[in-house]
Amino acid sequence: MPSTGFRACPLRAQVDSRLLRFSAGATASVLAVVLLIVGVARPLALGLLASQVAVFAFTAFVSFQWSLWAQTFARVIWPRIGAPTELEDARPHRFGQFVGFLFTALALISFALGVDVAGLGLTALTFGVAALNASTGVCLGCKAYLLIRRLRPA
């Protein structure tokens, strides 16, 4: 069978926990840049925010493994650190990406409508959650997913 050159497995139900933290760190980095430059380079900041909205949407609605951050991880980091020893269920993390999508989309809409305080607040909140996930591995969106699953009737 010919090789396609892709190194990440498409549409898996499980995901490498190291990828999750890398993705959160990359997301936090993008959002930090947005927060730092929105006052001086608004079009660039809003373009970066829009690109992060698209990454969140793709990851939440299509696949974690084919997202921008997963493909970067697969091509740059996996070859250096090797295959994962354990995988996690991707559903809570995709829900977390959906929550990130909602917050950043609302932030982008707020900026577009001129309500910069709301845009800054939503972006800062999303940055904080992504930075927490990157630094500690605690995914608040995943915790919300598990809580909602537990509260839902069988």
N, C-alpha and C. Protein backbone atom coordinates (compact mmCIF):
# COMPACT_ATOMS: atom_id res chain seq x y z
N MET A 1 0.84 -1.18 0.00
CA MET A 1 0.00 0.00 0.00
C MET A 1 0.89 1.25 0.00
N PRO A 2 0.69 2.18 -0.91
CA PRO A 2 1.55 3.36 -0.98
C PRO A 2 1.33 4.28 0.21
N SER A 3 2.39 4.94 0.62
CA SER A 3 2.33 5.87 1.73
C SER A 3 1.78 7.21 1.26
N THR A 4 0.93 7.81 2.11
CA THR A 4 0.37 9.12 1.77
C THR A 4 1.20 10.25 2.35
N GLY A 5 2.15 9.92 3.24
CA GLY A 5 2.97 10.94 3.86
C GLY A 5 2.40 11.46 5.15
N PHE A 6 1.15 11.10 5.49
CA PHE A 6 0.55 11.54 6.74
C PHE A 6 1.04 10.67 7.88
N ARG A 7 1.30 11.29 9.02
CA ARG A 7 1.82 10.55 10.16
C ARG A 7 0.81 10.41 11.29
N ALA A 8 -0.32 11.10 11.23
CA ALA A 8 -1.34 10.99 12.26
C ALA A 8 -2.47 10.13 11.74
N CYS A 9 -3.03 9.33 12.59
CA CYS A 9 -4.13 8.45 12.21
C CYS A 9 -5.43 9.25 12.16
N PRO A 10 -6.15 9.21 11.05
CA PRO A 10 -7.35 10.03 10.92
C PRO A 10 -8.53 9.51 11.74
N LEU A 11 -9.27 10.47 12.29
CA LEU A 11 -10.57 10.20 12.91
C LEU A 11 -10.55 9.12 13.99
N ARG A 12 -9.49 9.04 14.76
CA ARG A 12 -9.45 8.08 15.85
C ARG A 12 -10.33 8.55 16.99
N ALA A 13 -10.80 7.59 17.78
CA ALA A 13 -11.61 7.91 18.95
C ALA A 13 -10.73 8.22 20.15
N GLN A 14 -9.42 8.04 19.99
CA GLN A 14 -8.49 8.29 21.09
C GLN A 14 -7.40 9.25 20.62
N VAL A 15 -6.75 9.89 21.60
CA VAL A 15 -5.76 10.90 21.26
C VAL A 15 -4.60 10.84 22.26
N ASP A 16 -3.42 11.19 21.80
CA ASP A 16 -2.20 11.23 22.61
C ASP A 16 -2.29 12.39 23.60
N SER A 17 -2.11 12.13 24.89
CA SER A 17 -2.21 13.19 25.90
C SER A 17 -1.13 14.26 25.71
N ARG A 18 0.01 13.87 25.14
CA ARG A 18 1.06 14.86 24.88
C ARG A 18 0.63 15.83 23.79
N LEU A 19 -0.11 15.35 22.81
CA LEU A 19 -0.66 16.20 21.77
C LEU A 19 -1.62 17.22 22.38
N LEU A 20 -2.43 16.78 23.33
CA LEU A 20 -3.40 17.67 23.96
C LEU A 20 -2.72 18.86 24.62
N ARG A 21 -1.64 18.60 25.32
CA ARG A 21 -0.93 19.69 26.00
C ARG A 21 -0.19 20.57 25.00
N PHE A 22 0.35 19.97 23.96
CA PHE A 22 0.99 20.76 22.90
C PHE A 22 -0.03 21.68 22.23
N SER A 23 -1.20 21.12 21.92
CA SER A 23 -2.26 21.89 21.28
C SER A 23 -2.71 23.05 22.18
N ALA A 24 -2.85 22.77 23.47
CA ALA A 24 -3.24 23.83 24.41
C ALA A 24 -2.17 24.91 24.49
N GLY A 25 -0.91 24.51 24.47
CA GLY A 25 0.18 25.48 24.51
C GLY A 25 0.22 26.34 23.26
N ALA A 26 0.02 25.71 22.11
CA ALA A 26 0.00 26.47 20.85
C ALA A 26 -1.18 27.44 20.82
N THR A 27 -2.33 26.97 21.30
CA THR A 27 -3.52 27.82 21.37
C THR A 27 -3.28 29.00 22.31
N ALA A 28 -2.72 28.72 23.48
CA ALA A 28 -2.43 29.79 24.44
C ALA A 28 -1.46 30.80 23.84
N SER A 29 -0.50 30.34 23.08
CA SER A 29 0.47 31.24 22.44
C SER A 29 -0.21 32.17 21.45
N VAL A 30 -1.08 31.60 20.61
CA VAL A 30 -1.80 32.42 19.62
C VAL A 30 -2.66 33.45 20.34
N LEU A 31 -3.38 33.02 21.37
CA LEU A 31 -4.27 33.94 22.07
C LEU A 31 -3.49 35.00 22.84
N ALA A 32 -2.32 34.66 23.35
CA ALA A 32 -1.48 35.66 24.02
C ALA A 32 -1.04 36.73 23.03
N VAL A 33 -0.66 36.32 21.84
CA VAL A 33 -0.26 37.30 20.82
C VAL A 33 -1.45 38.19 20.47
N VAL A 34 -2.63 37.60 20.33
CA VAL A 34 -3.84 38.39 20.03
C VAL A 34 -4.04 39.46 21.11
N LEU A 35 -3.96 39.04 22.38
CA LEU A 35 -4.16 39.98 23.48
C LEU A 35 -3.10 41.08 23.49
N LEU A 36 -1.88 40.73 23.13
CA LEU A 36 -0.78 41.71 23.16
C LEU A 36 -0.84 42.72 22.02
N ILE A 37 -1.33 42.31 20.85
CA ILE A 37 -1.25 43.20 19.69
C ILE A 37 -2.59 43.80 19.26
N VAL A 38 -3.68 43.42 19.89
CA VAL A 38 -4.99 43.89 19.40
C VAL A 38 -5.09 45.42 19.46
N GLY A 39 -4.40 46.04 20.38
CA GLY A 39 -4.46 47.50 20.47
C GLY A 39 -3.62 48.21 19.43
N VAL A 40 -2.58 47.56 18.92
CA VAL A 40 -1.66 48.23 17.99
C VAL A 40 -1.75 47.69 16.56
N ALA A 41 -2.16 46.47 16.42
CA ALA A 41 -2.26 45.85 15.08
C ALA A 41 -3.56 45.06 15.01
N ARG A 42 -4.66 45.78 15.08
CA ARG A 42 -5.98 45.15 15.16
C ARG A 42 -6.27 44.17 14.02
N PRO A 43 -6.05 44.53 12.76
CA PRO A 43 -6.35 43.56 11.68
C PRO A 43 -5.57 42.25 11.83
N LEU A 44 -4.29 42.35 12.18
CA LEU A 44 -3.49 41.14 12.37
C LEU A 44 -4.01 40.33 13.55
N ALA A 45 -4.33 41.00 14.65
CA ALA A 45 -4.84 40.31 15.84
C ALA A 45 -6.16 39.60 15.54
N LEU A 46 -7.04 40.28 14.83
CA LEU A 46 -8.33 39.65 14.51
C LEU A 46 -8.17 38.52 13.50
N GLY A 47 -7.19 38.63 12.62
CA GLY A 47 -6.89 37.52 11.70
C GLY A 47 -6.38 36.31 12.46
N LEU A 48 -5.50 36.53 13.44
CA LEU A 48 -5.01 35.43 14.27
C LEU A 48 -6.15 34.80 15.08
N LEU A 49 -7.00 35.66 15.63
CA LEU A 49 -8.14 35.15 16.39
C LEU A 49 -9.07 34.34 15.50
N ALA A 50 -9.31 34.83 14.28
CA ALA A 50 -10.16 34.09 13.33
C ALA A 50 -9.54 32.74 12.97
N SER A 51 -8.21 32.72 12.83
CA SER A 51 -7.56 31.44 12.52
C SER A 51 -7.70 30.46 13.68
N GLN A 52 -7.65 30.96 14.91
CA GLN A 52 -7.82 30.08 16.07
C GLN A 52 -9.26 29.60 16.17
N VAL A 53 -10.21 30.46 15.82
CA VAL A 53 -11.62 30.03 15.77
C VAL A 53 -11.75 28.88 14.78
N ALA A 54 -11.10 28.99 13.63
CA ALA A 54 -11.17 27.94 12.61
C ALA A 54 -10.53 26.65 13.10
N VAL A 55 -9.40 26.76 13.80
CA VAL A 55 -8.74 25.56 14.35
C VAL A 55 -9.64 24.89 15.37
N PHE A 56 -10.24 25.68 16.27
CA PHE A 56 -11.18 25.12 17.25
C PHE A 56 -12.35 24.43 16.54
N ALA A 57 -12.92 25.08 15.53
CA ALA A 57 -14.07 24.51 14.83
C ALA A 57 -13.70 23.20 14.14
N PHE A 58 -12.56 23.18 13.46
CA PHE A 58 -12.14 21.97 12.77
C PHE A 58 -11.92 20.84 13.77
N THR A 59 -11.25 21.14 14.87
CA THR A 59 -10.96 20.11 15.86
C THR A 59 -12.24 19.61 16.52
N ALA A 60 -13.16 20.50 16.82
CA ALA A 60 -14.40 20.11 17.48
C ALA A 60 -15.34 19.34 16.56
N PHE A 61 -15.44 19.76 15.31
CA PHE A 61 -16.44 19.18 14.42
C PHE A 61 -15.91 18.13 13.44
N VAL A 62 -14.60 18.10 13.20
CA VAL A 62 -14.07 17.16 12.22
C VAL A 62 -13.19 16.12 12.90
N SER A 63 -12.01 16.52 13.36
CA SER A 63 -11.09 15.54 13.93
C SER A 63 -9.97 16.24 14.68
N PHE A 64 -9.63 15.69 15.82
CA PHE A 64 -8.48 16.21 16.56
C PHE A 64 -7.20 15.87 15.82
N GLN A 65 -7.11 14.66 15.27
CA GLN A 65 -5.87 14.18 14.66
C GLN A 65 -5.51 14.92 13.38
N TRP A 66 -6.47 15.54 12.72
CA TRP A 66 -6.17 16.24 11.47
C TRP A 66 -6.12 17.75 11.65
N SER A 67 -6.15 18.20 12.89
CA SER A 67 -6.09 19.64 13.13
C SER A 67 -4.69 20.17 12.85
N LEU A 68 -4.59 21.48 12.74
CA LEU A 68 -3.30 22.12 12.49
C LEU A 68 -2.27 21.75 13.55
N TRP A 69 -2.66 21.83 14.82
CA TRP A 69 -1.70 21.54 15.89
C TRP A 69 -1.32 20.06 15.93
N ALA A 70 -2.28 19.18 15.63
CA ALA A 70 -1.96 17.75 15.62
C ALA A 70 -1.00 17.40 14.48
N GLN A 71 -1.19 18.02 13.34
CA GLN A 71 -0.29 17.75 12.22
C GLN A 71 1.10 18.30 12.47
N THR A 72 1.17 19.46 13.11
CA THR A 72 2.48 20.01 13.49
C THR A 72 3.16 19.08 14.49
N PHE A 73 2.41 18.63 15.48
CA PHE A 73 2.93 17.70 16.49
C PHE A 73 3.42 16.41 15.83
N ALA A 74 2.63 15.88 14.90
CA ALA A 74 2.97 14.62 14.25
C ALA A 74 4.24 14.72 13.41
N ARG A 75 4.45 15.86 12.80
CA ARG A 75 5.60 16.01 11.90
C ARG A 75 6.88 16.47 12.60
N VAL A 76 6.74 17.22 13.69
CA VAL A 76 7.90 17.80 14.35
C VAL A 76 8.27 17.10 15.66
N ILE A 77 7.29 16.77 16.47
CA ILE A 77 7.58 16.27 17.82
C ILE A 77 7.56 14.75 17.90
N TRP A 78 6.54 14.10 17.34
CA TRP A 78 6.47 12.64 17.43
C TRP A 78 7.74 11.94 16.96
N PRO A 79 8.33 12.35 15.84
CA PRO A 79 9.55 11.66 15.40
C PRO A 79 10.68 11.74 16.43
N ARG A 80 10.66 12.75 17.28
CA ARG A 80 11.72 12.92 18.28
C ARG A 80 11.42 12.22 19.60
N ILE A 81 10.14 12.07 19.95
CA ILE A 81 9.80 11.49 21.27
C ILE A 81 9.19 10.10 21.17
N GLY A 82 8.80 9.67 20.00
CA GLY A 82 8.25 8.34 19.82
C GLY A 82 6.74 8.27 20.03
N ALA A 83 6.22 7.09 19.77
CA ALA A 83 4.78 6.85 19.87
C ALA A 83 4.32 6.92 21.32
N PRO A 84 3.05 7.24 21.53
CA PRO A 84 2.54 7.31 22.90
C PRO A 84 2.40 5.92 23.50
N THR A 85 2.53 5.86 24.81
CA THR A 85 2.34 4.59 25.51
C THR A 85 0.89 4.38 25.89
N GLU A 86 0.13 5.48 26.02
CA GLU A 86 -1.29 5.38 26.31
C GLU A 86 -2.04 6.51 25.62
N LEU A 87 -3.30 6.25 25.34
CA LEU A 87 -4.15 7.22 24.66
C LEU A 87 -5.35 7.55 25.54
N GLU A 88 -5.95 8.71 25.30
CA GLU A 88 -7.14 9.14 26.04
C GLU A 88 -8.32 9.21 25.09
N ASP A 89 -9.51 9.11 25.66
CA ASP A 89 -10.75 9.28 24.90
C ASP A 89 -10.78 10.70 24.33
N ALA A 90 -11.04 10.82 23.05
CA ALA A 90 -11.01 12.13 22.40
C ALA A 90 -12.29 12.94 22.62
N ARG A 91 -13.40 12.30 23.00
CA ARG A 91 -14.67 13.01 23.11
C ARG A 91 -14.65 14.18 24.09
N PRO A 92 -14.14 14.00 25.32
CA PRO A 92 -14.10 15.17 26.22
C PRO A 92 -13.25 16.31 25.67
N HIS A 93 -12.16 15.96 25.02
CA HIS A 93 -11.27 16.98 24.48
C HIS A 93 -11.89 17.70 23.28
N ARG A 94 -12.64 16.97 22.48
CA ARG A 94 -13.33 17.62 21.37
C ARG A 94 -14.43 18.54 21.89
N PHE A 95 -15.07 18.16 23.00
CA PHE A 95 -16.05 19.05 23.62
C PHE A 95 -15.35 20.31 24.13
N GLY A 96 -14.18 20.14 24.73
CA GLY A 96 -13.40 21.29 25.18
C GLY A 96 -13.05 22.21 24.02
N GLN A 97 -12.73 21.64 22.87
CA GLN A 97 -12.44 22.43 21.67
C GLN A 97 -13.70 23.17 21.22
N PHE A 98 -14.86 22.52 21.36
CA PHE A 98 -16.12 23.17 21.02
C PHE A 98 -16.37 24.38 21.92
N VAL A 99 -16.11 24.24 23.21
CA VAL A 99 -16.27 25.36 24.14
C VAL A 99 -15.30 26.48 23.76
N GLY A 100 -14.05 26.12 23.45
CA GLY A 100 -13.09 27.11 22.99
C GLY A 100 -13.56 27.81 21.73
N PHE A 101 -14.15 27.04 20.82
CA PHE A 101 -14.71 27.61 19.59
C PHE A 101 -15.78 28.65 19.92
N LEU A 102 -16.70 28.30 20.83
CA LEU A 102 -17.77 29.22 21.20
C LEU A 102 -17.22 30.53 21.77
N PHE A 103 -16.29 30.42 22.72
CA PHE A 103 -15.75 31.61 23.36
C PHE A 103 -14.96 32.49 22.38
N THR A 104 -14.13 31.87 21.55
CA THR A 104 -13.35 32.68 20.62
C THR A 104 -14.22 33.25 19.49
N ALA A 105 -15.23 32.50 19.07
CA ALA A 105 -16.15 33.04 18.05
C ALA A 105 -16.91 34.23 18.61
N LEU A 106 -17.36 34.12 19.85
CA LEU A 106 -18.04 35.26 20.48
C LEU A 106 -17.08 36.43 20.66
N ALA A 107 -15.82 36.15 20.98
CA ALA A 107 -14.83 37.22 21.10
C ALA A 107 -14.63 37.92 19.76
N LEU A 108 -14.52 37.14 18.70
CA LEU A 108 -14.34 37.72 17.36
C LEU A 108 -15.54 38.57 16.96
N ILE A 109 -16.73 38.09 17.24
CA ILE A 109 -17.96 38.85 16.95
C ILE A 109 -17.98 40.13 17.78
N SER A 110 -17.58 40.03 19.04
CA SER A 110 -17.54 41.23 19.91
C SER A 110 -16.59 42.27 19.36
N PHE A 111 -15.40 41.84 18.95
CA PHE A 111 -14.45 42.78 18.35
C PHE A 111 -15.03 43.40 17.07
N ALA A 112 -15.68 42.58 16.25
CA ALA A 112 -16.24 43.07 14.99
C ALA A 112 -17.34 44.10 15.24
N LEU A 113 -18.08 43.94 16.34
CA LEU A 113 -19.16 44.87 16.68
C LEU A 113 -18.66 46.08 17.46
N GLY A 114 -17.36 46.11 17.76
CA GLY A 114 -16.81 47.24 18.49
C GLY A 114 -16.93 47.14 20.00
N VAL A 115 -17.32 45.98 20.50
CA VAL A 115 -17.43 45.78 21.95
C VAL A 115 -16.12 45.12 22.41
N ASP A 116 -15.07 45.94 22.41
CA ASP A 116 -13.73 45.43 22.67
C ASP A 116 -13.56 44.85 24.07
N VAL A 117 -14.26 45.39 25.05
CA VAL A 117 -14.15 44.87 26.43
C VAL A 117 -14.59 43.41 26.46
N ALA A 118 -15.71 43.10 25.82
CA ALA A 118 -16.19 41.72 25.78
C ALA A 118 -15.22 40.84 24.99
N GLY A 119 -14.73 41.35 23.87
CA GLY A 119 -13.77 40.58 23.07
C GLY A 119 -12.50 40.28 23.84
N LEU A 120 -11.99 41.28 24.54
CA LEU A 120 -10.78 41.08 25.35
C LEU A 120 -11.04 40.09 26.49
N GLY A 121 -12.19 40.24 27.14
CA GLY A 121 -12.52 39.34 28.26
C GLY A 121 -12.65 37.89 27.82
N LEU A 122 -13.35 37.66 26.74
CA LEU A 122 -13.53 36.30 26.23
C LEU A 122 -12.21 35.70 25.74
N THR A 123 -11.41 36.52 25.08
CA THR A 123 -10.10 36.04 24.62
C THR A 123 -9.21 35.73 25.81
N ALA A 124 -9.21 36.61 26.81
CA ALA A 124 -8.39 36.39 28.01
C ALA A 124 -8.84 35.14 28.76
N LEU A 125 -10.15 34.93 28.85
CA LEU A 125 -10.67 33.73 29.52
C LEU A 125 -10.22 32.47 28.79
N THR A 126 -10.34 32.48 27.47
CA THR A 126 -9.92 31.32 26.68
C THR A 126 -8.42 31.10 26.79
N PHE A 127 -7.65 32.19 26.78
CA PHE A 127 -6.20 32.09 26.97
C PHE A 127 -5.90 31.43 28.33
N GLY A 128 -6.55 31.88 29.38
CA GLY A 128 -6.30 31.34 30.71
C GLY A 128 -6.59 29.85 30.80
N VAL A 129 -7.69 29.44 30.22
CA VAL A 129 -8.06 28.01 30.24
C VAL A 129 -7.05 27.19 29.43
N ALA A 130 -6.64 27.70 28.26
CA ALA A 130 -5.66 26.99 27.43
C ALA A 130 -4.31 26.92 28.14
N ALA A 131 -3.90 28.02 28.78
CA ALA A 131 -2.62 28.03 29.51
C ALA A 131 -2.66 27.07 30.69
N LEU A 132 -3.79 27.00 31.37
CA LEU A 132 -3.94 26.04 32.48
C LEU A 132 -3.79 24.61 31.97
N ASN A 133 -4.45 24.32 30.86
CA ASN A 133 -4.36 22.98 30.27
C ASN A 133 -2.93 22.66 29.84
N ALA A 134 -2.27 23.62 29.21
CA ALA A 134 -0.90 23.39 28.73
C ALA A 134 0.07 23.18 29.89
N SER A 135 -0.10 23.93 30.96
CA SER A 135 0.86 23.87 32.05
C SER A 135 0.60 22.76 33.06
N THR A 136 -0.66 22.38 33.24
CA THR A 136 -0.98 21.38 34.26
C THR A 136 -1.65 20.12 33.72
N GLY A 137 -2.18 20.20 32.51
CA GLY A 137 -2.92 19.06 31.96
C GLY A 137 -4.37 19.05 32.38
N VAL A 138 -4.83 20.06 33.11
CA VAL A 138 -6.22 20.14 33.55
C VAL A 138 -7.03 20.79 32.44
N CYS A 139 -7.98 20.04 31.91
CA CYS A 139 -8.84 20.52 30.83
C CYS A 139 -10.22 20.81 31.41
N LEU A 140 -10.56 22.09 31.54
CA LEU A 140 -11.84 22.46 32.12
C LEU A 140 -13.01 22.06 31.22
N GLY A 141 -12.84 22.14 29.91
CA GLY A 141 -13.88 21.69 28.99
C GLY A 141 -14.15 20.20 29.14
N CYS A 142 -13.09 19.43 29.37
CA CYS A 142 -13.24 17.98 29.57
C CYS A 142 -13.99 17.70 30.86
N LYS A 143 -13.67 18.47 31.90
CA LYS A 143 -14.37 18.31 33.19
C LYS A 143 -15.85 18.63 33.02
N ALA A 144 -16.16 19.67 32.25
CA ALA A 144 -17.56 20.03 31.99
C ALA A 144 -18.25 18.90 31.22
N TYR A 145 -17.57 18.33 30.24
CA TYR A 145 -18.13 17.22 29.45
C TYR A 145 -18.48 16.05 30.37
N LEU A 146 -17.57 15.69 31.25
CA LEU A 146 -17.80 14.55 32.15
C LEU A 146 -18.94 14.85 33.12
N LEU A 147 -19.03 16.09 33.59
CA LEU A 147 -20.12 16.48 34.48
C LEU A 147 -21.46 16.41 33.76
N ILE A 148 -21.51 16.91 32.54
CA ILE A 148 -22.76 16.86 31.75
C ILE A 148 -23.15 15.41 31.49
N ARG A 149 -22.20 14.56 31.16
CA ARG A 149 -22.49 13.13 30.93
C ARG A 149 -23.04 12.47 32.18
N ARG A 150 -22.50 12.84 33.33
CA ARG A 150 -22.94 12.26 34.60
C ARG A 150 -24.35 12.72 34.96
N LEU A 151 -24.69 13.97 34.63
CA LEU A 151 -26.01 14.52 34.97
C LEU A 151 -27.10 14.09 34.00
N ARG A 152 -26.71 13.67 32.81
CA ARG A 152 -27.69 13.25 31.81
C ARG A 152 -28.31 11.93 32.18
N PRO A 153 -29.64 11.78 32.05
CA PRO A 153 -30.27 10.49 32.35
C PRO A 153 -29.81 9.41 31.37
N ALA A 154 -29.74 8.18 31.86
CA ALA A 154 -29.25 7.06 31.05
C ALA A 154 -30.18 6.70 29.93
